[in-house]
Structures are given as structure tokens and as C-alpha cells.
Amino acid sequence: MNAEFLEEAGRLAQAAVERGEGGPFGAVIVSGGQVVSRGWNQVLLACDPTAHAEIVAIRDASRRLGRFHLADCELYSSCEPCPMCLAAAYWAEFPPSITPAPGRMPRQRDSRMPRCIRS
């Protein structure tokens, strides 16, 4: 486990909340000690209920690496992945994901569910 990558996932989560793009979730995918991909919750930005941080990061890593099997990569997440993200990580063949201790997740400023962001 590398605390630096875990902290990066947390920073991505916090920044997404501050920009109002979605919930407080971030993910980093690492291969060979280098960040391959970053993702943050973009559900509101993309108006897409599947745009969770882990899914966004997995899609980006797959595009960058030109493959969907990511068994040689590590997934660092700002919180425990939901069932959808866990299933995506399973199908991408990640080793077990790395998540922070409870209580380290940034909080949303407003508990009301905002509408999708339209440009």
C-alpha cells in the first residue's frame, strides 16, 4: 500500500465536491508505481448514474493502456467501492482494492441531491 496514492484519491474526492460535480469519491489506478489514471465522481457533471470515481478511472486506464484487464494495476479508492464499482474492479481483474480507514472520506456540503449539471 502506498499512502501517497490513497491521499491523491482523497484529494480528488474533495476537489470534486468543491466543484459540485458529484459525491465525495475519488480513485487512482497505479501500475509499476506510476499513476495511470485518476477518477472522481462525475454523476452530476455527466448526468450519468454510473460515473462513479472507480468506473471513471477504470474506463480511462483501459483507454490509456489499450486493454481492459488491469490485473497488474492497483486501485486506490477514497472509500469502500459500491457494488457496481466492486463488480467493475472484479471484471477488470484488479487485486483487492485499497481504501482508507472509516471517517476519512470528505463530506458533501449540502445533503440535498442536486440536479445534473448542464452546460
C-alpha atoms as a PDB file:
ATOM      1  CA  MET A   1       0.000   0.000   0.000  1.00  0.00           C
ATOM      2  CA  ASN A   2       1.201   3.478  -0.833  1.00  0.00           C
ATOM      3  CA  ALA A   3      -0.260   6.268   1.303  1.00  0.00           C
ATOM      4  CA  GLU A   4       0.605   8.842  -1.367  1.00  0.00           C
ATOM      5  CA  PHE A   5      -1.822   7.274  -3.852  1.00  0.00           C
ATOM      6  CA  LEU A   6      -4.505   6.935  -1.199  1.00  0.00           C
ATOM      7  CA  GLU A   7      -4.108  10.628  -0.341  1.00  0.00           C
ATOM      8  CA  GLU A   8      -4.410  11.502  -4.040  1.00  0.00           C
ATOM      9  CA  ALA A   9      -7.753   9.661  -4.175  1.00  0.00           C
ATOM     10  CA  GLY A  10      -8.892  11.720  -1.190  1.00  0.00           C
ATOM     11  CA  ARG A  11      -7.768  14.983  -2.808  1.00  0.00           C
ATOM     12  CA  LEU A  12      -9.675  14.118  -5.987  1.00  0.00           C
ATOM     13  CA  ALA A  13     -12.785  13.423  -3.918  1.00  0.00           C
ATOM     14  CA  GLN A  14     -12.546  16.721  -2.063  1.00  0.00           C
ATOM     15  CA  ALA A  15     -11.972  18.709  -5.261  1.00  0.00           C
ATOM     16  CA  ALA A  16     -14.995  17.115  -6.944  1.00  0.00           C
ATOM     17  CA  VAL A  17     -17.213  18.110  -4.030  1.00  0.00           C
ATOM     18  CA  GLU A  18     -15.865  21.663  -4.051  1.00  0.00           C
ATOM     19  CA  ARG A  19     -16.635  21.931  -7.784  1.00  0.00           C
ATOM     20  CA  GLY A  20     -20.111  20.455  -7.264  1.00  0.00           C
ATOM     21  CA  GLU A  21     -19.527  17.681  -9.803  1.00  0.00           C
ATOM     22  CA  GLY A  22     -20.748  14.799  -7.668  1.00  0.00           C
ATOM     23  CA  GLY A  23     -20.309  12.984  -4.398  1.00  0.00           C
ATOM     24  CA  PRO A  24     -17.144  12.799  -2.309  1.00  0.00           C
ATOM     25  CA  PHE A  25     -15.404   9.946  -4.097  1.00  0.00           C
ATOM     26  CA  GLY A  26     -12.017   9.671  -5.799  1.00  0.00           C
ATOM     27  CA  ALA A  27      -9.961   6.843  -7.284  1.00  0.00           C
ATOM     28  CA  VAL A  28      -6.419   6.391  -8.562  1.00  0.00           C
ATOM     29  CA  ILE A  29      -5.108   3.497 -10.657  1.00  0.00           C
ATOM     30  CA  VAL A  30      -1.408   2.721 -10.414  1.00  0.00           C
ATOM     31  CA  SER A  31       0.831   0.441 -12.474  1.00  0.00           C
ATOM     32  CA  GLY A  32       4.505  -0.075 -11.745  1.00  0.00           C
ATOM     33  CA  GLY A  33       4.475   2.671  -9.140  1.00  0.00           C
ATOM     34  CA  GLN A  34       3.136   5.263 -11.596  1.00  0.00           C
ATOM     35  CA  VAL A  35      -0.345   6.785 -11.722  1.00  0.00           C
ATOM     36  CA  VAL A  36      -2.043   5.528 -14.881  1.00  0.00           C
ATOM     37  CA  SER A  37      -5.448   7.062 -14.281  1.00  0.00           C
ATOM     38  CA  ARG A  38      -7.426   9.293 -11.941  1.00  0.00           C
ATOM     39  CA  GLY A  39     -11.173   9.425 -11.491  1.00  0.00           C
ATOM     40  CA  TRP A  40     -13.661  11.291  -9.356  1.00  0.00           C
ATOM     41  CA  ASN A  41     -17.403  11.139  -9.018  1.00  0.00           C
ATOM     42  CA  GLN A  42     -18.898  12.814 -12.092  1.00  0.00           C
ATOM     43  CA  VAL A  43     -22.508  11.707 -11.697  1.00  0.00           C
ATOM     44  CA  LEU A  44     -23.825  15.289 -11.702  1.00  0.00           C
ATOM     45  CA  LEU A  45     -21.381  16.620 -14.272  1.00  0.00           C
ATOM     46  CA  ALA A  46     -22.145  13.865 -16.789  1.00  0.00           C
ATOM     47  CA  CYS A  47     -25.749  13.284 -15.676  1.00  0.00           C
ATOM     48  CA  ASP A  48     -24.752   9.612 -15.607  1.00  0.00           C
ATOM     49  CA  PRO A  49     -25.565   7.419 -12.601  1.00  0.00           C
ATOM     50  CA  THR A  50     -22.651   5.116 -13.476  1.00  0.00           C
ATOM     51  CA  ALA A  51     -19.999   7.865 -13.471  1.00  0.00           C
ATOM     52  CA  HIS A  52     -18.592   6.815 -10.104  1.00  0.00           C
ATOM     53  CA  ALA A  53     -14.932   7.574  -9.375  1.00  0.00           C
ATOM     54  CA  GLU A  54     -13.761   3.983  -9.760  1.00  0.00           C
ATOM     55  CA  ILE A  55     -15.683   3.479 -13.021  1.00  0.00           C
ATOM     56  CA  VAL A  56     -14.320   6.735 -14.468  1.00  0.00           C
ATOM     57  CA  ALA A  57     -10.766   5.730 -13.500  1.00  0.00           C
ATOM     58  CA  ILE A  58     -11.153   2.177 -14.862  1.00  0.00           C
ATOM     59  CA  ARG A  59     -12.501   3.452 -18.192  1.00  0.00           C
ATOM     60  CA  ASP A  60      -9.650   5.950 -18.501  1.00  0.00           C
ATOM     61  CA  ALA A  61      -6.972   3.388 -17.557  1.00  0.00           C
ATOM     62  CA  SER A  62      -8.362   0.899 -20.072  1.00  0.00           C
ATOM     63  CA  ARG A  63      -8.281   3.523 -22.840  1.00  0.00           C
ATOM     64  CA  ARG A  64      -4.758   4.637 -21.949  1.00  0.00           C
ATOM     65  CA  LEU A  65      -3.365   1.112 -21.671  1.00  0.00           C
ATOM     66  CA  GLY A  66      -5.359  -0.294 -24.595  1.00  0.00           C
ATOM     67  CA  ARG A  67      -6.732  -3.226 -22.610  1.00  0.00           C
ATOM     68  CA  PHE A  68      -9.466  -3.971 -20.109  1.00  0.00           C
ATOM     69  CA  HIS A  69      -7.630  -6.490 -17.952  1.00  0.00           C
ATOM     70  CA  LEU A  70      -5.850  -4.468 -15.277  1.00  0.00           C
ATOM     71  CA  ALA A  71      -4.521  -7.280 -13.076  1.00  0.00           C
ATOM     72  CA  ASP A  72      -1.075  -5.657 -12.941  1.00  0.00           C
ATOM     73  CA  CYS A  73      -2.550  -2.402 -11.595  1.00  0.00           C
ATOM     74  CA  GLU A  74      -3.697  -1.280  -8.165  1.00  0.00           C
ATOM     75  CA  LEU A  75      -6.939   0.582  -7.483  1.00  0.00           C
ATOM     76  CA  TYR A  76      -6.822   3.146  -4.672  1.00  0.00           C
ATOM     77  CA  SER A  77     -10.216   4.480  -3.621  1.00  0.00           C
ATOM     78  CA  SER A  78     -11.276   7.210  -1.197  1.00  0.00           C
ATOM     79  CA  CYS A  79     -13.904   4.901   0.279  1.00  0.00           C
ATOM     80  CA  GLU A  80     -15.194   1.361   0.048  1.00  0.00           C
ATOM     81  CA  PRO A  81     -16.430   0.770  -3.528  1.00  0.00           C
ATOM     82  CA  CYS A  82     -20.165   0.316  -4.084  1.00  0.00           C
ATOM     83  CA  PRO A  83     -21.386  -2.997  -5.562  1.00  0.00           C
ATOM     84  CA  MET A  84     -21.277  -1.615  -9.119  1.00  0.00           C
ATOM     85  CA  CYS A  85     -17.690  -0.400  -8.757  1.00  0.00           C
ATOM     86  CA  LEU A  86     -16.648  -3.573  -6.990  1.00  0.00           C
ATOM     87  CA  ALA A  87     -18.060  -5.601  -9.895  1.00  0.00           C
ATOM     88  CA  ALA A  88     -16.191  -3.432 -12.422  1.00  0.00           C
ATOM     89  CA  ALA A  89     -12.959  -3.912 -10.464  1.00  0.00           C
ATOM     90  CA  TYR A  90     -13.614  -7.662 -10.411  1.00  0.00           C
ATOM     91  CA  TRP A  91     -14.142  -7.803 -14.191  1.00  0.00           C
ATOM     92  CA  ALA A  92     -11.015  -5.694 -14.756  1.00  0.00           C
ATOM     93  CA  GLU A  93      -9.203  -8.342 -12.655  1.00  0.00           C
ATOM     94  CA  PHE A  94      -7.732  -5.938 -10.102  1.00  0.00           C
ATOM     95  CA  PRO A  95      -6.189  -7.358  -6.980  1.00  0.00           C
ATOM     96  CA  PRO A  96      -8.157  -6.284  -3.855  1.00  0.00           C
ATOM     97  CA  SER A  97      -8.756  -2.519  -3.802  1.00  0.00           C
ATOM     98  CA  ILE A  98      -7.140  -0.243  -1.254  1.00  0.00           C
ATOM     99  CA  THR A  99      -9.409   2.064   0.727  1.00  0.00           C
ATOM    100  CA  PRO A 100      -8.903   4.464   3.643  1.00  0.00           C
ATOM    101  CA  ALA A 101      -9.920   3.995   7.234  1.00  0.00           C
ATOM    102  CA  PRO A 102     -13.553   4.904   8.066  1.00  0.00           C
ATOM    103  CA  GLY A 103     -14.164   8.600   8.652  1.00  0.00           C
ATOM    104  CA  ARG A 104     -11.517   9.870   6.214  1.00  0.00           C
ATOM    105  CA  MET A 105     -13.975  10.495   3.400  1.00  0.00           C
ATOM    106  CA  PRO A 106     -14.749  14.165   2.618  1.00  0.00           C
ATOM    107  CA  ARG A 107     -18.319  15.261   3.163  1.00  0.00           C
ATOM    108  CA  GLN A 108     -20.678  16.929   0.726  1.00  0.00           C
ATOM    109  CA  ARG A 109     -21.607  20.491   1.619  1.00  0.00           C
ATOM    110  CA  ASP A 110     -25.317  20.007   1.079  1.00  0.00           C
ATOM    111  CA  SER A 111     -27.301  16.875   1.825  1.00  0.00           C
ATOM    112  CA  ARG A 112     -29.956  17.628  -0.827  1.00  0.00           C
ATOM    113  CA  MET A 113     -29.494  15.781  -4.103  1.00  0.00           C
ATOM    114  CA  PRO A 114     -28.571  18.410  -6.701  1.00  0.00           C
ATOM    115  CA  ARG A 115     -29.660  18.262 -10.309  1.00  0.00           C
ATOM    116  CA  CYS A 116     -27.381  17.304 -13.157  1.00  0.00           C
ATOM    117  CA  ILE A 117     -25.002  20.000 -14.330  1.00  0.00           C
ATOM    118  CA  ARG A 118     -25.853  21.222 -17.809  1.00  0.00           C
ATOM    119  CA  SER A 119     -23.532  23.371 -19.904  1.00  0.00           C
END
